[in-house]
Protein backbone atom coordinates (compact mmCIF):
# COMPACT_ATOMS: atom_id res chain seq x y z
CA MET A 1 7.76 19.39 27.97
CA PRO A 2 7.79 17.10 24.92
CA HIS A 3 11.13 15.96 23.58
CA ALA A 4 12.16 17.89 20.48
CA PRO A 5 12.60 15.77 17.35
CA PRO A 6 16.21 15.17 16.28
CA PRO A 7 17.63 17.12 13.31
CA TYR A 8 16.97 15.66 9.89
CA SER A 9 19.51 12.96 9.25
CA ASP A 10 17.54 9.89 8.23
CA ILE A 11 16.82 9.33 4.54
CA PHE A 12 15.06 6.00 4.71
CA ASP A 13 11.63 4.86 5.86
CA GLU A 14 11.01 1.13 5.71
CA LEU A 15 7.24 1.20 5.31
CA LEU A 16 7.37 3.90 2.65
CA THR A 17 10.01 1.94 0.73
CA GLU A 18 7.78 -1.15 0.70
CA ASP A 19 4.90 0.85 -0.78
CA VAL A 20 7.16 2.49 -3.36
CA GLU A 21 8.54 -0.89 -4.43
CA GLU A 22 4.98 -2.18 -4.80
CA LEU A 23 4.10 0.76 -7.07
CA LEU A 24 7.28 0.40 -9.16
CA GLY A 25 6.71 -3.35 -9.42
CA ARG A 26 3.28 -2.76 -10.95
CA PHE A 27 4.77 -0.16 -13.28
CA GLN A 28 7.44 -2.65 -14.35
CA LEU A 29 4.83 -5.30 -15.15
CA SER A 30 3.07 -2.85 -17.48
CA ASP A 31 6.19 -2.91 -19.73
CA SER A 32 5.72 0.77 -20.57
CA VAL A 33 7.38 4.10 -19.80
CA ARG A 34 4.33 6.29 -20.50
CA TYR A 35 3.32 8.72 -17.78
CA GLU A 36 -0.39 7.95 -18.14
CA VAL A 37 0.25 4.33 -17.15
CA PHE A 38 2.13 5.48 -14.04
CA ALA A 39 -0.65 7.95 -13.18
CA ASP A 40 -3.29 5.20 -13.36
CA ILE A 41 -1.30 3.02 -10.93
CA TRP A 42 -0.77 6.04 -8.64
CA ARG A 43 -4.51 6.74 -8.48
CA GLN A 44 -5.40 3.07 -7.96
CA MET A 45 -3.11 2.85 -4.93
CA CYS A 46 -4.24 6.28 -3.58
CA PHE A 47 -0.59 7.15 -3.12
CA SER A 48 -1.21 10.85 -2.56
CA ASP A 49 -2.65 10.00 0.89
CA VAL A 50 0.80 9.28 2.33
CA PHE A 51 1.05 12.93 3.43
CA ARG A 52 -2.27 12.88 5.30
CA GLY A 53 -2.59 12.59 9.07
CA ILE A 54 0.63 14.41 10.05
CA PRO A 55 -0.39 17.29 12.37
CA SER A 56 3.09 18.74 12.98
CA LEU A 57 4.56 20.97 10.28
CA ALA A 58 8.13 20.00 11.22
CA GLU A 59 7.31 16.30 10.98
CA LEU A 60 5.56 16.91 7.65
CA LYS A 61 8.67 18.59 6.24
CA ARG A 62 10.86 15.75 7.50
CA PHE A 63 8.62 13.13 5.91
CA SER A 64 8.51 15.10 2.63
CA ARG A 65 12.32 15.08 2.54
CA VAL A 66 12.33 11.33 3.13
CA THR A 67 9.81 10.70 0.31
CA LEU A 68 11.77 12.81 -2.18
CA ALA A 69 15.07 11.15 -1.18
CA THR A 70 13.46 7.73 -1.72
CA ALA A 71 12.27 8.75 -5.19
CA VAL A 72 15.73 10.09 -6.10
CA ASN A 73 17.25 6.78 -5.02
CA TYR A 74 15.25 4.94 -7.72
CA PHE A 75 16.03 7.64 -10.30
CA LEU A 76 19.77 6.85 -10.20
CA PRO A 77 21.79 3.74 -11.18
CA PRO A 78 22.10 0.73 -10.78
CA PHE A 79 18.40 0.30 -11.59
CA SER A 80 17.03 -0.43 -15.03
CA TYR A 81 15.82 2.27 -17.39
CA GLN A 82 12.13 1.62 -16.71
CA ILE A 83 12.61 1.79 -12.93
CA ARG A 84 14.58 5.02 -13.29
CA VAL A 85 11.72 6.48 -15.33
CA GLY A 86 9.36 5.42 -12.52
CA GLY A 87 11.65 7.17 -10.04
CA LEU A 88 11.45 10.38 -12.10
CA TYR A 89 7.65 10.15 -12.14
CA LEU A 90 7.69 9.57 -8.37
CA MET A 91 9.73 12.73 -7.88
CA PHE A 92 7.20 14.70 -9.94
CA ALA A 93 4.22 13.20 -8.07
CA PHE A 94 5.68 13.61 -4.58
CA TYR A 95 6.74 17.19 -5.25
CA HIS A 96 3.27 18.29 -6.42
CA THR A 97 1.23 16.35 -3.82
CA GLN A 98 3.14 17.33 -0.68
CA LEU A 99 1.31 19.58 1.76
CA CYS A 100 4.26 21.79 2.73
CA ARG A 101 4.12 25.43 1.65
CA PRO A 102 6.62 26.39 0.34
CA PRO A 103 7.26 22.88 -1.00
CA VAL A 104 10.34 20.92 -0.07
CA ARG A 105 12.75 20.79 -2.99
CA ILE A 106 14.60 17.82 -4.49
CA ARG A 107 18.33 17.47 -3.82
CA LEU A 108 20.53 16.38 -6.74
CA ALA A 109 24.21 15.94 -5.92
CA LEU A 110 27.07 16.95 -8.15
CA LYS A 111 28.42 13.39 -8.38
CA ASP A 112 25.09 12.17 -9.83
CA TRP A 113 24.81 14.82 -12.53
CA ILE A 114 26.76 12.76 -15.10
CA TYR A 115 24.26 9.89 -14.77
CA ILE A 116 21.32 12.29 -15.14
CA LYS A 117 22.76 13.80 -18.32
CA LYS A 118 23.30 10.34 -19.81
CA PHE A 119 19.77 9.31 -18.84
CA LEU A 120 18.27 12.38 -20.53
CA GLY A 121 20.41 11.78 -23.62
CA ASP A 122 19.26 8.15 -23.88
CA SER A 123 15.63 9.24 -23.46
CA ALA A 124 16.01 11.82 -26.25
CA ASP A 125 17.62 9.24 -28.55
CA ALA A 126 14.84 6.74 -27.86
CA GLY A 127 12.11 9.35 -28.41
CA HIS A 128 10.55 9.15 -24.96
CA SER A 129 9.01 12.62 -24.87
CA ASP A 130 7.13 11.89 -21.60
CA VAL A 131 10.40 11.56 -19.70
CA LEU A 132 11.87 14.78 -21.11
CA TYR A 133 8.64 16.71 -20.51
CA ILE A 134 8.38 15.65 -16.83
CA TYR A 135 12.02 16.56 -16.14
CA ARG A 136 11.70 19.95 -17.78
CA LYS A 137 8.49 20.66 -15.84
CA LEU A 138 10.34 20.01 -12.58
CA ASP A 139 13.26 22.14 -13.72
CA ALA A 140 10.95 25.00 -14.72
CA ALA A 141 9.20 24.86 -11.33
CA LYS A 142 12.64 25.19 -9.65
CA ALA A 143 12.08 21.92 -7.84
CA PHE A 144 15.78 20.94 -7.85
CA TYR A 145 18.53 21.82 -5.42
CA TYR A 146 21.85 21.25 -7.20
CA THR A 147 24.01 20.54 -4.18
CA ALA A 148 27.42 19.12 -3.34
CA MET A 149 26.04 16.39 -1.05
CA PRO A 150 22.97 14.23 -1.68
CA HIS A 151 21.66 14.66 1.89
CA VAL A 152 21.71 17.28 4.60
CA LEU A 153 24.66 17.00 6.97
CA ALA A 154 23.98 17.36 10.68
CA PHE A 155 25.76 16.86 13.98
CA GLN A 156 25.08 13.76 16.08
CA LYS A 157 24.38 11.80 12.97
CA GLN A 158 24.09 8.02 13.13
CA ARG A 159 27.31 6.27 12.32
CA LYS A 160 25.49 3.43 10.57
CA PRO A 161 22.23 4.86 9.22
CA LYS A 162 19.54 2.56 7.94
CA LYS A 163 19.66 1.88 4.22
CA ALA A 164 17.14 0.22 1.97
CA ALA A 165 18.13 -3.14 0.54
CA VAL A 166 18.52 -3.05 -3.23
CA CYS A 167 15.61 -4.83 -4.91
CA ALA A 168 17.10 -7.42 -7.27
CA LYS A 169 14.20 -7.39 -9.74
CA PHE A 170 14.65 -3.65 -10.33
CA LEU A 171 18.31 -3.87 -11.33
CA GLY A 172 19.14 -3.20 -14.96
CA ARG A 173 20.82 -5.66 -17.25
CA ALA A 174 24.46 -5.25 -18.21
CA THR A 175 24.35 -3.34 -21.49
CA ALA A 176 28.11 -3.01 -22.06
CA VAL A 177 28.23 -6.31 -23.97
CA HIS A 178 25.33 -5.25 -26.21
CA GLU A 179 27.03 -1.93 -26.93
CA LEU A 180 30.29 -3.69 -27.76
CA MET A 181 28.58 -6.11 -30.11
CA CYS A 182 26.54 -3.43 -31.85
CA ALA A 183 29.49 -1.09 -32.34
CA ASP A 184 32.15 -1.30 -35.06
CA ILE A 185 34.84 -2.35 -32.59
CA LEU A 186 34.79 -5.99 -33.67
CA GLU A 187 35.19 -5.02 -37.29
CA GLU A 188 38.13 -2.77 -36.50
CA LEU A 189 39.64 -5.52 -34.36
CA GLY A 190 39.38 -7.92 -37.30
CA ASN A 191 41.06 -5.41 -39.65
CA LEU A 192 43.90 -4.95 -37.17
CA GLN A 193 44.34 -8.69 -36.94
CA VAL A 194 44.62 -9.01 -40.74
CA HIS A 195 47.11 -6.14 -40.93
CA TYR A 196 49.20 -7.72 -38.16
CA GLU A 197 49.34 -11.04 -40.01
CA GLN A 198 50.38 -9.29 -43.22
CA LEU A 199 53.23 -7.49 -41.48
CA LYS A 200 54.38 -10.71 -39.89
CA GLU A 201 54.41 -12.46 -43.29
CA ALA A 202 56.50 -9.62 -44.69
CA CYS A 203 59.20 -10.28 -42.09
CA PRO A 204 60.57 -13.79 -42.67
CA GLU A 205 62.89 -13.55 -39.65
CA VAL A 206 59.98 -13.49 -37.17
CA LYS A 207 57.37 -15.28 -39.25
CA GLY A 208 57.25 -18.52 -37.27
CA GLN A 209 58.77 -17.32 -34.00
CA VAL A 210 56.45 -14.51 -32.88
CA ALA A 211 52.73 -15.01 -32.16
CA MET A 212 51.35 -12.16 -30.06
CA THR A 213 47.63 -12.65 -30.79
CA HIS A 214 45.18 -15.38 -31.70
CA ARG A 215 44.34 -15.74 -35.36
CA ASP A 216 40.57 -16.01 -34.74
CA LEU A 217 40.33 -13.45 -31.91
CA ALA A 218 37.39 -11.49 -33.38
CA SER A 219 35.30 -14.60 -34.11
CA ARG A 220 35.96 -16.11 -30.67
CA LEU A 221 35.05 -12.83 -28.98
CA THR A 222 31.80 -12.70 -30.96
CA ASP A 223 30.90 -16.24 -29.91
CA CYS A 224 31.53 -15.44 -26.21
CA MET A 225 29.38 -12.30 -26.36
CA SER A 226 26.50 -14.08 -28.10
CA GLU A 227 26.64 -16.86 -25.50
CA PHE A 228 26.50 -14.30 -22.67
CA ILE A 229 23.53 -12.48 -24.23
CA SER A 230 21.58 -15.73 -24.67
CA TRP A 231 22.29 -16.70 -21.03
CA GLN A 232 21.14 -13.27 -19.86
CA GLN A 233 17.87 -13.57 -21.75
CA ARG A 234 17.25 -17.06 -20.36
CA SER A 235 18.00 -16.01 -16.76
CA PHE A 236 15.71 -12.98 -16.88
CA SER A 237 12.89 -14.98 -18.46
CA SER A 238 13.24 -17.66 -15.78
CA LEU A 239 12.95 -14.95 -13.13
CA GLY A 240 9.54 -14.00 -14.50
CA VAL A 241 8.40 -17.62 -14.37
CA LYS A 242 9.66 -17.95 -10.78
CA ARG A 243 7.68 -14.88 -9.74
CA LYS A 244 4.47 -16.38 -11.07
CA LYS A 245 5.20 -19.66 -9.32
CA ALA A 246 5.94 -17.82 -6.09
CA VAL A 247 2.54 -16.12 -6.24
CA ASP A 248 0.82 -19.50 -6.71
CA GLU A 249 2.86 -21.11 -3.93
CA ASP A 250 1.96 -18.32 -1.53
CA GLY A 251 -1.71 -19.27 -1.78
CA GLU A 252 -0.88 -22.94 -1.14
CA GLU A 253 1.34 -22.05 1.82
CA GLU A 254 -1.45 -19.99 3.36
CA SER A 255 -3.85 -22.96 3.19
CA ASP A 256 -1.19 -25.30 4.65
CA SER A 257 -0.41 -22.86 7.43
CA SER A 258 -4.10 -22.50 8.33
CA ARG A 259 -4.42 -26.31 8.54
CA ALA A 260 -1.29 -26.51 10.73
CA ARG A 261 -2.67 -23.84 13.05
CA LEU A 262 -5.95 -25.76 13.36
CA LEU A 263 -4.14 -28.99 14.27
CA SER A 264 -1.97 -27.23 16.84
CA SER A 265 -5.03 -25.66 18.49
CA ILE A 266 -6.73 -29.07 18.70
CA LYS A 267 -3.63 -30.64 20.30
CA GLN A 268 -3.32 -27.79 22.74
CA LYS A 269 -6.92 -28.20 23.87
CA SER A 270 -6.57 -31.97 24.27
CA TYR A 271 -3.33 -31.79 26.27
CA SER A 272 -4.58 -28.96 28.47
CA CYS A 273 -6.97 -31.42 30.25
CA TYR A 274 -4.04 -33.57 31.44
CA GLN A 275 -2.95 -32.90 35.01
CA GLU A 276 0.44 -33.96 36.22
CA ALA A 277 0.65 -35.77 39.57
CA PRO A 278 2.31 -33.82 42.41
CA LYS A 279 5.85 -34.69 43.37
CA SER A 280 4.77 -36.00 46.80
CA ARG A 281 2.69 -38.76 45.18
CA ARG A 282 5.08 -39.88 42.45
CA HIS A 283 6.95 -42.36 44.70
CA ARG A 284 3.78 -44.11 45.83
CA GLN A 285 2.56 -47.23 44.19
CA ALA A 286 -0.70 -47.23 42.30
CA GLU A 287 -3.55 -48.29 44.52
CA THR A 288 -5.81 -51.06 43.30
CA VAL A 289 -9.52 -50.70 43.39
CA GLU A 290 -11.64 -53.73 44.06
CA SER A 291 -14.75 -54.01 41.99
CA LEU A 292 -17.81 -54.91 44.01
CA SER A 293 -21.19 -56.02 42.78
CA CYS A 294 -22.77 -52.68 43.64
CA GLY A 295 -20.05 -50.77 41.80
CA ALA A 296 -16.50 -49.56 42.18
CA GLU A 297 -15.37 -47.87 45.38
CA GLN A 298 -12.39 -45.58 45.50
CA LEU A 299 -9.99 -45.99 48.40
CA GLN A 300 -8.77 -42.87 50.09
CA ASP A 301 -5.32 -42.38 51.45
CA PRO A 302 -4.94 -42.96 55.23
CA PRO A 303 -4.79 -39.73 57.18
CA ALA A 304 -1.37 -38.59 58.19
CA ARG A 305 -0.35 -39.24 61.82
CA GLN A 306 -0.48 -36.27 64.10
CA LYS A 307 2.59 -35.47 66.14
CA LYS A 308 2.22 -36.02 69.89
CA ARG A 309 2.53 -32.74 71.71
CA PRO A 310 4.76 -32.69 74.83
CA PRO A 311 3.06 -32.09 78.21
CA SER A 312 2.76 -28.54 79.42
CA LEU A 313 4.73 -27.03 82.30
CA ARG A 314 1.74 -27.23 84.65
CA ALA A 315 1.21 -30.92 83.95
CA ARG A 316 4.85 -31.72 84.55
CA THR A 317 4.85 -29.72 87.83
CA GLN A 318 1.76 -31.50 89.15
CA ARG A 319 3.27 -34.84 88.21
CA SER A 320 6.51 -34.11 90.06
CA LEU A 321 4.70 -32.87 93.22
CA GLY A 322 2.24 -35.74 93.26
CA GLU A 323 -0.77 -33.45 93.19
CA SER A 324 -3.72 -34.66 91.24
CA ARG A 325 -5.55 -32.46 88.81
CA GLU A 326 -8.89 -32.94 90.60
CA ASP A 327 -7.48 -31.80 93.99
CA SER A 328 -5.92 -28.67 92.61
CA TRP A 329 -8.95 -27.66 90.62
CA THR A 330 -10.99 -24.89 92.18
CA GLN A 331 -14.12 -23.20 91.12
CA THR A 332 -13.31 -19.73 89.96
CA TRP A 333 -16.85 -18.52 90.55
CA LEU A 334 -16.77 -19.01 94.38
CA LEU A 335 -16.53 -15.79 96.39
CA SER A 336 -15.70 -17.43 99.73
CA VAL A 337 -12.45 -19.07 100.74
CA PRO A 338 -12.31 -22.83 100.16
CA GLU A 339 -13.02 -24.99 103.21
CA GLN A 340 -9.74 -26.82 103.11
CA LYS A 341 -7.86 -23.55 103.32
CA GLU A 342 -9.78 -22.21 106.36
CA ARG A 343 -7.73 -24.38 108.76
CA LEU A 344 -4.40 -23.06 107.64
CA PRO A 345 -2.74 -20.55 109.99
CA VAL A 346 -2.86 -16.99 108.82
CA ARG A 347 0.25 -14.93 109.21
CA SER A 348 -0.36 -11.66 110.90
CA THR A 349 0.86 -8.56 109.15
CA LYS A 350 0.26 -6.23 112.16
CA GLN A 351 3.24 -5.50 114.45
CA PRO A 352 2.91 -4.62 118.17
CA ALA A 353 2.79 -0.95 119.00
CA ALA A 354 5.46 -1.32 121.71
CA GLN A 355 8.12 -1.51 119.09
CA TYR A 356 7.38 2.04 117.97
CA ALA A 357 7.19 3.49 121.47
C-alpha cells in the first residue's frame, strides 16, 4: 500500500522559486509595470506548463497552494514596487492557469492587509490602472481567502521549515528619506528653530547659557539626506554594472573550466599507464642489464628455493629396521605367494578334537 502524502505544511519549492525569480528578473529589466509586458515574458517562458504532468489530484492541489503562496510572498514587502506588481500578476496568472476544479484560492493574512491597502493606494496615486484592474478582477472572482494566518496549520509540522532566501536585487530602496525630503517637515523644522532663537533672545537671563539645539540643524539635515540619496543612486547603478560583468565573466569561466577539464583528463590518461612496483620487490636493488652485440637480454630473477620435505613414516621405519626398499617391494599383481615366504612356518588354526570330547 503506498504511503499517504503528509498534510499540507510546506510553502516553499526550491525549483519553482528559481523559475519565478528568473521571470521576475526579466520583468525587472523591462523597467515597466504594464501587464502586457509581463504576459509576453510569461508566454516566452511557457510558464503555464508548470501544472502539467501531475497525475494525482491531491498532489496537484498541494502544488497549486505552493505556487500561490510563492506568488503572495513576492507581492508583500520588503520587495520593491515593481517586484510586488510582478507578484500580483503572478497571483492572477497562477490562479487562472491551475488545473484544479474548483480552483485553489489565495490566502491573504490579516497582518498583511495594511501593506496591501497602502500598495493599492500608491498604485492609484501613480495612475497604474493595470495594477488596480488585476486586483479587482481577482477580488470579483472571489479568489482571495481573508484569513488570520498566512498558511494552513497542521499537526506534525516541521519545526524549521524550508524558506526561500531573499533575493537582494528584488529588494526595494529605502524611501523614508525621500519622503522626508519631499515633505514640508524641513521647512517647519526651520521655522521652529527661528522661533526658538527669538524666544531665547527675548530672555536675557538664559541668552548665553542655554543652547538646546544647533543653529543650522535644518541645513545640516538636508545635506545628510542629499548625501545619502546620492550614495544610494551610485550603489544601485553599480549593481547593474556588476550584473553585466558577471554575465560576461560566466562565459569566460566556462571556457577556462572546459580547458581545465581537458588538461585533467590528459593527465589522468598519462598517469594511468604507470604501474607501481609490488612491496616484495621494493627492497631489491635494480638489476643491471648487459648490452650484447646481438641486443639486450633481460635477466630473470632466480627461482625461489623449495623447502625440503621431511621423510615419510614408512621411510623412517625402513631405515630404523635396516630393510632396504628393494627387498620390501613386492609385485601387487602376483596371485601366488612369494617364494621367500613359502619357507616360513605356518601356524595352524585347527585345534585337536580331543579337547572337545
